[in-house]
Amino acid sequence: MKNESDISLHTPSDIVHSSNLRDDDEVCVIGVFKKVFVKETRHGEKIAIGILSDFKSEISASLFPNEYEKFKKVVSQKEPLLVYGKIVVDKDENKAEIIVSSVVDLRQEYGSNNEE
């Protein structure tokens, strides 16, 4: 993975409407997982495919077994997140997906303004 300062911050809208992103580009995306579907692999491991949203656009994001185990609680909470990963572009269907490598819960990391 590149140094975090070398990865640009995006929203799902940026990615959906960008023609500059290519396969294997590393990105950091800010958004909320609206839906998360958990599936089991042939080997009995769990993976997740989620819909990451910035409330303007959505993009599919996949968490493979290791990442799913690390981040399953965070992605199911519908809280604002920073999602790091690589872009996979399906040129036939003209859409992109993120393969997730790391997730940061923004409220936990930076605190909430609504603390009592």
C-alpha atoms as a PDB file:
ATOM      1  CA  MET A   1       0.000   0.000   0.000  1.00  0.00           C
ATOM      2  CA  LYS A   2       1.196   3.500  -0.767  1.00  0.00           C
ATOM      3  CA  ASN A   3       1.963   6.040   1.915  1.00  0.00           C
ATOM      4  CA  GLU A   4      -1.364   7.502   3.141  1.00  0.00           C
ATOM      5  CA  SER A   5      -0.299  10.984   2.010  1.00  0.00           C
ATOM      6  CA  ASP A   6      -0.004   9.635  -1.577  1.00  0.00           C
ATOM      7  CA  ILE A   7      -3.635   8.457  -1.640  1.00  0.00           C
ATOM      8  CA  SER A   8      -6.242  11.008  -2.580  1.00  0.00           C
ATOM      9  CA  LEU A   9      -9.526  11.318  -0.701  1.00  0.00           C
ATOM     10  CA  HIS A  10     -12.686  10.657  -2.703  1.00  0.00           C
ATOM     11  CA  THR A  11     -16.416  10.301  -2.274  1.00  0.00           C
ATOM     12  CA  PRO A  12     -18.447   7.644  -4.093  1.00  0.00           C
ATOM     13  CA  SER A  13     -19.681  10.468  -6.356  1.00  0.00           C
ATOM     14  CA  ASP A  14     -16.078  11.285  -7.322  1.00  0.00           C
ATOM     15  CA  ILE A  15     -15.374   7.684  -8.267  1.00  0.00           C
ATOM     16  CA  VAL A  16     -18.643   7.043 -10.090  1.00  0.00           C
ATOM     17  CA  HIS A  17     -18.195  10.165 -12.219  1.00  0.00           C
ATOM     18  CA  SER A  18     -14.424   9.963 -12.731  1.00  0.00           C
ATOM     19  CA  SER A  19     -12.794   8.840 -15.946  1.00  0.00           C
ATOM     20  CA  ASN A  20      -9.316   9.222 -14.427  1.00  0.00           C
ATOM     21  CA  LEU A  21      -9.392   6.225 -12.063  1.00  0.00           C
ATOM     22  CA  ARG A  22      -8.028   2.915 -13.315  1.00  0.00           C
ATOM     23  CA  ASP A  23      -7.759  -0.665 -12.103  1.00  0.00           C
ATOM     24  CA  ASP A  24      -5.567  -0.985  -9.014  1.00  0.00           C
ATOM     25  CA  ASP A  25      -5.600   2.746  -8.207  1.00  0.00           C
ATOM     26  CA  GLU A  26      -5.461   3.110  -4.441  1.00  0.00           C
ATOM     27  CA  VAL A  27      -8.138   5.353  -2.977  1.00  0.00           C
ATOM     28  CA  CYS A  28      -9.505   6.588   0.307  1.00  0.00           C
ATOM     29  CA  VAL A  29     -13.268   7.036   0.175  1.00  0.00           C
ATOM     30  CA  ILE A  30     -15.472   8.750   2.733  1.00  0.00           C
ATOM     31  CA  GLY A  31     -19.004   7.420   3.089  1.00  0.00           C
ATOM     32  CA  VAL A  32     -21.507   5.242   4.937  1.00  0.00           C
ATOM     33  CA  PHE A  33     -22.271   1.588   4.240  1.00  0.00           C
ATOM     34  CA  LYS A  34     -25.992   1.567   3.435  1.00  0.00           C
ATOM     35  CA  LYS A  35     -26.232  -2.185   2.962  1.00  0.00           C
ATOM     36  CA  VAL A  36     -23.863  -5.034   3.704  1.00  0.00           C
ATOM     37  CA  PHE A  37     -24.442  -8.539   2.357  1.00  0.00           C
ATOM     38  CA  VAL A  38     -22.444 -11.315   4.026  1.00  0.00           C
ATOM     39  CA  LYS A  39     -21.677 -14.465   2.057  1.00  0.00           C
ATOM     40  CA  GLU A  40     -19.766 -17.617   2.862  1.00  0.00           C
ATOM     41  CA  THR A  41     -16.971 -18.851   0.606  1.00  0.00           C
ATOM     42  CA  ARG A  42     -16.485 -22.486  -0.422  1.00  0.00           C
ATOM     43  CA  HIS A  43     -13.935 -22.702   2.387  1.00  0.00           C
ATOM     44  CA  GLY A  44     -16.418 -21.517   5.014  1.00  0.00           C
ATOM     45  CA  GLU A  45     -14.934 -18.031   5.353  1.00  0.00           C
ATOM     46  CA  LYS A  46     -17.150 -14.953   5.380  1.00  0.00           C
ATOM     47  CA  ILE A  47     -16.875 -12.091   2.924  1.00  0.00           C
ATOM     48  CA  ALA A  48     -18.993  -8.969   2.623  1.00  0.00           C
ATOM     49  CA  ILE A  49     -20.209  -6.917  -0.295  1.00  0.00           C
ATOM     50  CA  GLY A  50     -21.517  -3.527   0.668  1.00  0.00           C
ATOM     51  CA  ILE A  51     -22.993  -0.405  -0.844  1.00  0.00           C
ATOM     52  CA  LEU A  52     -20.889   2.616   0.151  1.00  0.00           C
ATOM     53  CA  SER A  53     -22.788   5.911  -0.123  1.00  0.00           C
ATOM     54  CA  ASP A  54     -22.128   9.635   0.177  1.00  0.00           C
ATOM     55  CA  PHE A  55     -25.900  10.294  -0.161  1.00  0.00           C
ATOM     56  CA  LYS A  56     -25.368  11.455  -3.764  1.00  0.00           C
ATOM     57  CA  SER A  57     -23.882   8.326  -5.328  1.00  0.00           C
ATOM     58  CA  GLU A  58     -23.114   4.764  -4.381  1.00  0.00           C
ATOM     59  CA  ILE A  59     -20.312   2.331  -5.120  1.00  0.00           C
ATOM     60  CA  SER A  60     -19.913  -1.349  -4.370  1.00  0.00           C
ATOM     61  CA  ALA A  61     -17.208  -2.252  -1.851  1.00  0.00           C
ATOM     62  CA  SER A  62     -15.996  -5.782  -1.108  1.00  0.00           C
ATOM     63  CA  LEU A  63     -14.333  -7.049   2.050  1.00  0.00           C
ATOM     64  CA  PHE A  64     -12.521 -10.361   1.720  1.00  0.00           C
ATOM     65  CA  PRO A  65     -12.241 -12.758   4.715  1.00  0.00           C
ATOM     66  CA  ASN A  66      -9.357 -11.093   6.595  1.00  0.00           C
ATOM     67  CA  GLU A  67     -10.748  -7.586   6.163  1.00  0.00           C
ATOM     68  CA  TYR A  68     -14.290  -8.711   6.959  1.00  0.00           C
ATOM     69  CA  GLU A  69     -13.145 -10.223  10.268  1.00  0.00           C
ATOM     70  CA  LYS A  70     -11.275  -7.023  11.204  1.00  0.00           C
ATOM     71  CA  PHE A  71     -13.978  -4.531  10.211  1.00  0.00           C
ATOM     72  CA  LYS A  72     -17.332  -6.371  10.396  1.00  0.00           C
ATOM     73  CA  LYS A  73     -18.598  -4.391  13.394  1.00  0.00           C
ATOM     74  CA  VAL A  74     -17.641  -1.023  11.913  1.00  0.00           C
ATOM     75  CA  VAL A  75     -19.199  -1.534   8.479  1.00  0.00           C
ATOM     76  CA  SER A  76     -22.519  -2.683   9.953  1.00  0.00           C
ATOM     77  CA  GLN A  77     -23.043   0.455  12.111  1.00  0.00           C
ATOM     78  CA  LYS A  78     -24.085   2.917   9.356  1.00  0.00           C
ATOM     79  CA  GLU A  79     -21.594   5.510  10.624  1.00  0.00           C
ATOM     80  CA  PRO A  80     -19.303   7.789   8.555  1.00  0.00           C
ATOM     81  CA  LEU A  81     -16.159   5.912   7.552  1.00  0.00           C
ATOM     82  CA  LEU A  82     -12.884   6.347   5.728  1.00  0.00           C
ATOM     83  CA  VAL A  83     -12.500   3.313   3.488  1.00  0.00           C
ATOM     84  CA  TYR A  84      -9.097   2.521   1.976  1.00  0.00           C
ATOM     85  CA  GLY A  85      -8.791   0.150  -0.932  1.00  0.00           C
ATOM     86  CA  LYS A  86      -8.112  -0.476  -4.598  1.00  0.00           C
ATOM     87  CA  ILE A  87     -10.355   0.269  -7.523  1.00  0.00           C
ATOM     88  CA  VAL A  88     -11.512  -2.505  -9.834  1.00  0.00           C
ATOM     89  CA  VAL A  89     -13.088  -1.249 -13.047  1.00  0.00           C
ATOM     90  CA  ASP A  90     -15.593  -3.319 -15.035  1.00  0.00           C
ATOM     91  CA  LYS A  91     -15.280  -1.707 -18.452  1.00  0.00           C
ATOM     92  CA  ASP A  92     -18.046  -3.845 -19.969  1.00  0.00           C
ATOM     93  CA  GLU A  93     -20.591  -2.516 -17.476  1.00  0.00           C
ATOM     94  CA  ASN A  94     -18.909   0.887 -17.082  1.00  0.00           C
ATOM     95  CA  LYS A  95     -18.728   0.750 -13.293  1.00  0.00           C
ATOM     96  CA  ALA A  96     -16.148   0.519 -10.544  1.00  0.00           C
ATOM     97  CA  GLU A  97     -15.839  -1.323  -7.248  1.00  0.00           C
ATOM     98  CA  ILE A  98     -13.565  -0.914  -4.231  1.00  0.00           C
ATOM     99  CA  ILE A  99     -11.657  -3.857  -2.782  1.00  0.00           C
ATOM    100  CA  VAL A 100     -11.371  -2.771   0.854  1.00  0.00           C
ATOM    101  CA  SER A 101      -8.038  -2.972   2.673  1.00  0.00           C
ATOM    102  CA  SER A 102      -8.773  -0.817   5.733  1.00  0.00           C
ATOM    103  CA  VAL A 103     -11.653   1.030   7.411  1.00  0.00           C
ATOM    104  CA  VAL A 104     -11.543   3.911   9.913  1.00  0.00           C
ATOM    105  CA  ASP A 105     -14.624   4.835  11.960  1.00  0.00           C
ATOM    106  CA  LEU A 106     -14.604   8.642  11.842  1.00  0.00           C
ATOM    107  CA  ARG A 107     -16.708   9.098  14.973  1.00  0.00           C
ATOM    108  CA  GLN A 108     -14.496   6.807  17.005  1.00  0.00           C
ATOM    109  CA  GLU A 109     -11.274   8.238  15.568  1.00  0.00           C
ATOM    110  CA  TYR A 110     -12.174  11.928  15.794  1.00  0.00           C
ATOM    111  CA  GLY A 111     -15.042  11.983  18.297  1.00  0.00           C
ATOM    112  CA  SER A 112     -18.589  13.176  17.906  1.00  0.00           C
ATOM    113  CA  ASN A 113     -19.710  16.792  18.178  1.00  0.00           C
ATOM    114  CA  ASN A 114     -22.828  15.607  19.985  1.00  0.00           C
ATOM    115  CA  GLU A 115     -21.126  14.411  23.160  1.00  0.00           C
ATOM    116  CA  GLU A 116     -23.145  14.975  26.309  1.00  0.00           C
END
